Each structure stands twice: as C-alpha cells, then as structure tokens.
C-alpha atoms as a PDB file:
ATOM      1  CA  UNK A   1       9.423 -11.424  -5.717  1.00  0.00           C
ATOM      2  CA  UNK A   2       8.876  -8.815  -3.016  1.00  0.00           C
ATOM      3  CA  UNK A   3       6.096  -8.591  -0.459  1.00  0.00           C
ATOM      4  CA  UNK A   4       5.429  -5.095   0.868  1.00  0.00           C
ATOM      5  CA  UNK A   5       3.304  -3.950   3.772  1.00  0.00           C
ATOM      6  CA  UNK A   6       2.551  -0.291   4.418  1.00  0.00           C
ATOM      7  CA  UNK A   7       0.619   0.348   7.620  1.00  0.00           C
ATOM      8  CA  UNK A   8      -0.818   3.740   8.593  1.00  0.00           C
ATOM      9  CA  UNK A   9      -3.411   5.375  10.825  1.00  0.00           C
ATOM     10  CA  UNK A  10      -6.362   7.397   9.580  1.00  0.00           C
ATOM     11  CA  UNK A  11      -7.639  10.534  11.286  1.00  0.00           C
ATOM     12  CA  UNK A  12     -10.813   9.925  13.307  1.00  0.00           C
ATOM     13  CA  UNK A  13     -13.900  10.203  11.125  1.00  0.00           C
ATOM     14  CA  UNK A  14     -11.904  10.100   7.865  1.00  0.00           C
ATOM     15  CA  UNK A  15     -11.670   6.351   7.189  1.00  0.00           C
ATOM     16  CA  UNK A  16     -14.665   6.168   4.824  1.00  0.00           C
ATOM     17  CA  UNK A  17     -13.444   9.128   2.787  1.00  0.00           C
ATOM     18  CA  UNK A  18      -9.926   7.712   2.556  1.00  0.00           C
ATOM     19  CA  UNK A  19     -11.207   4.296   1.457  1.00  0.00           C
ATOM     20  CA  UNK A  20     -13.302   5.935  -1.256  1.00  0.00           C
ATOM     21  CA  UNK A  21     -10.346   8.047  -2.409  1.00  0.00           C
ATOM     22  CA  UNK A  22      -8.087   4.966  -2.482  1.00  0.00           C
ATOM     23  CA  UNK A  23     -10.217   3.119  -5.059  1.00  0.00           C
ATOM     24  CA  UNK A  24      -8.651   4.780  -8.118  1.00  0.00           C
ATOM     25  CA  UNK A  25      -5.135   4.476  -6.692  1.00  0.00           C
ATOM     26  CA  UNK A  26      -5.571   0.740  -6.079  1.00  0.00           C
ATOM     27  CA  UNK A  27      -7.151   0.175  -9.508  1.00  0.00           C
ATOM     28  CA  UNK A  28      -4.369   2.032 -11.330  1.00  0.00           C
ATOM     29  CA  UNK A  29      -1.566   0.469  -9.292  1.00  0.00           C
ATOM     30  CA  UNK A  30      -2.812  -3.027 -10.114  1.00  0.00           C
ATOM     31  CA  UNK A  31      -1.989  -2.266 -13.761  1.00  0.00           C
ATOM     32  CA  UNK A  32       1.613  -1.223 -12.997  1.00  0.00           C
ATOM     33  CA  UNK A  33       4.263  -3.422 -14.606  1.00  0.00           C
ATOM     34  CA  UNK A  34       5.393  -6.047 -12.105  1.00  0.00           C
ATOM     35  CA  UNK A  35       2.453  -5.604  -9.734  1.00  0.00           C
ATOM     36  CA  UNK A  36       1.273  -9.087  -8.789  1.00  0.00           C
ATOM     37  CA  UNK A  37      -1.234  -7.995  -6.147  1.00  0.00           C
ATOM     38  CA  UNK A  38      -2.178  -4.762  -4.404  1.00  0.00           C
ATOM     39  CA  UNK A  39      -4.831  -4.621  -1.675  1.00  0.00           C
ATOM     40  CA  UNK A  40      -5.875  -2.317   1.148  1.00  0.00           C
ATOM     41  CA  UNK A  41      -7.080  -3.874   4.394  1.00  0.00           C
ATOM     42  CA  UNK A  42      -8.626  -2.549   7.606  1.00  0.00           C
ATOM     43  CA  UNK A  43      -7.251  -3.709  10.939  1.00  0.00           C
ATOM     44  CA  UNK A  44      -9.533  -5.886  13.021  1.00  0.00           C
ATOM     45  CA  UNK A  45      -7.803  -4.686  16.195  1.00  0.00           C
ATOM     46  CA  UNK A  46      -7.155  -0.983  15.659  1.00  0.00           C
ATOM     47  CA  UNK A  47     -10.198   0.910  14.388  1.00  0.00           C
ATOM     48  CA  UNK A  48      -8.490   3.558  12.273  1.00  0.00           C
ATOM     49  CA  UNK A  49      -5.531   1.526  11.023  1.00  0.00           C
ATOM     50  CA  UNK A  50      -5.167   0.432   7.400  1.00  0.00           C
ATOM     51  CA  UNK A  51      -2.520  -1.589   5.618  1.00  0.00           C
ATOM     52  CA  UNK A  52      -1.551  -2.042   2.010  1.00  0.00           C
ATOM     53  CA  UNK A  53      -0.415  -5.577   1.202  1.00  0.00           C
ATOM     54  CA  UNK A  54       1.511  -5.684  -2.056  1.00  0.00           C
ATOM     55  CA  UNK A  55       3.389  -8.226  -4.150  1.00  0.00           C
ATOM     56  CA  UNK A  56       5.890  -7.106  -6.800  1.00  0.00           C
ATOM     57  CA  UNK A  57       7.965  -9.064  -9.301  1.00  0.00           C
ATOM     58  CA  UNK A  58      11.126  -7.054  -8.566  1.00  0.00           C
ATOM     59  CA  UNK A  59      12.604  -4.139  -6.660  1.00  0.00           C
ATOM     60  CA  UNK A  60      12.867  -2.278  -9.951  1.00  0.00           C
ATOM     61  CA  UNK A  61       9.118  -2.576 -10.481  1.00  0.00           C
ATOM     62  CA  UNK A  62       8.465  -1.322  -6.944  1.00  0.00           C
ATOM     63  CA  UNK A  63      10.851   1.604  -7.469  1.00  0.00           C
ATOM     64  CA  UNK A  64       9.077   2.619 -10.700  1.00  0.00           C
ATOM     65  CA  UNK A  65       5.741   2.495  -8.860  1.00  0.00           C
ATOM     66  CA  UNK A  66       7.165   4.640  -6.048  1.00  0.00           C
ATOM     67  CA  UNK A  67       7.997   7.389  -8.573  1.00  0.00           C
ATOM     68  CA  UNK A  68       4.716   7.169 -10.511  1.00  0.00           C
ATOM     69  CA  UNK A  69       2.257  10.024 -10.910  1.00  0.00           C
ATOM     70  CA  UNK A  70      -0.494   8.034  -9.210  1.00  0.00           C
ATOM     71  CA  UNK A  71       1.780   7.475  -6.191  1.00  0.00           C
ATOM     72  CA  UNK A  72       2.400  11.225  -6.010  1.00  0.00           C
ATOM     73  CA  UNK A  73      -1.364  11.859  -6.106  1.00  0.00           C
ATOM     74  CA  UNK A  74      -1.924   9.189  -3.448  1.00  0.00           C
ATOM     75  CA  UNK A  75       0.619  10.796  -1.113  1.00  0.00           C
ATOM     76  CA  UNK A  76      -1.281  14.097  -1.346  1.00  0.00           C
ATOM     77  CA  UNK A  77      -4.601  12.355  -0.644  1.00  0.00           C
ATOM     78  CA  UNK A  78      -3.133  10.331   2.219  1.00  0.00           C
ATOM     79  CA  UNK A  79      -1.671  13.434   3.849  1.00  0.00           C
ATOM     80  CA  UNK A  80      -5.184  14.888   4.045  1.00  0.00           C
ATOM     81  CA  UNK A  81      -6.741  11.856   5.731  1.00  0.00           C
ATOM     82  CA  UNK A  82      -3.951  10.027   7.577  1.00  0.00           C
ATOM     83  CA  UNK A  83      -1.957  10.692  10.725  1.00  0.00           C
ATOM     84  CA  UNK A  84       1.802  10.284  10.843  1.00  0.00           C
ATOM     85  CA  UNK A  85       4.003   8.293   8.520  1.00  0.00           C
ATOM     86  CA  UNK A  86       3.395   4.857   7.084  1.00  0.00           C
ATOM     87  CA  UNK A  87       5.351   1.947   8.514  1.00  0.00           C
ATOM     88  CA  UNK A  88       6.795   0.258   5.440  1.00  0.00           C
ATOM     89  CA  UNK A  89       8.225  -3.266   5.439  1.00  0.00           C
ATOM     90  CA  UNK A  90       9.717  -4.976   2.384  1.00  0.00           C
ATOM     91  CA  UNK A  91      10.278  -8.731   2.366  1.00  0.00           C
ATOM     92  CA  UNK A  92      12.210 -10.836  -0.115  1.00  0.00           C
ATOM     93  CA  UNK A  93       9.813 -13.625  -1.025  1.00  0.00           C
ATOM     94  CA  UNK A  94      12.125 -15.061  -3.655  1.00  0.00           C
ATOM     95  CA  UNK A  95      14.468 -16.354  -0.960  1.00  0.00           C
ATOM     96  CA  UNK A  96      11.632 -17.884   0.975  1.00  0.00           C
ATOM     97  CA  UNK A  97      12.117 -19.701   4.206  1.00  0.00           C
ATOM     98  CA  UNK A  98       9.173 -21.819   3.172  1.00  0.00           C
ATOM     99  CA  UNK A  99       8.794 -24.662   5.638  1.00  0.00           C
ATOM    100  CA  UNK A 100       5.963 -26.485   3.881  1.00  0.00           C
END
C-alpha cells in the first residue's frame, strides 16, 4: 500500500472556489481501482494551503490514476486557482515501520 500527500497553495481569495471545484474530482477519484482513501484537507497553520491525503493499493493503481482524464481536468482547474507546484510525497506503507 502507498500513502501519498500532495500539498499546494491556493491563490488569495480562491480557496472556496477551488474547494467547490474539487468535489467532483474527489468523488470520481474515490471510485478509481485501487483507491483506498482520497481526501482534501485545509491547513490549520497556513491559511491558503491544502493537502490531498491518499491511500492506494499499489503503485500501478496510482500511475493509472495519474494518467486519468479526471486527473487531467483537475490539473487544468488547479492551475487556475493554485500557486506554484504541488509538493508530492509517496510513502511505502506496506513496509511499515510500525512500532505499535
């Protein structure tokens, strides 16, 4: 399993519009094969910062999602409302360092 975070900043005054536009993207992505969870969160410390938190069964599933039509549409929407590039981190949760 993979855990993915994608953090990005929203242009001032555009956060509400971006959140509204993201609803369809999130809904559709949650139906992608291998998508275990897919959520968009607002930072509690940086006003215009958002982060996707995602869980995927495999890298192959994530790669298929990355090439999907809804991802292409999302990139166009995000470019209208966001500043700069997303900071993407991918973690291997299968080889967990679980210390429970």
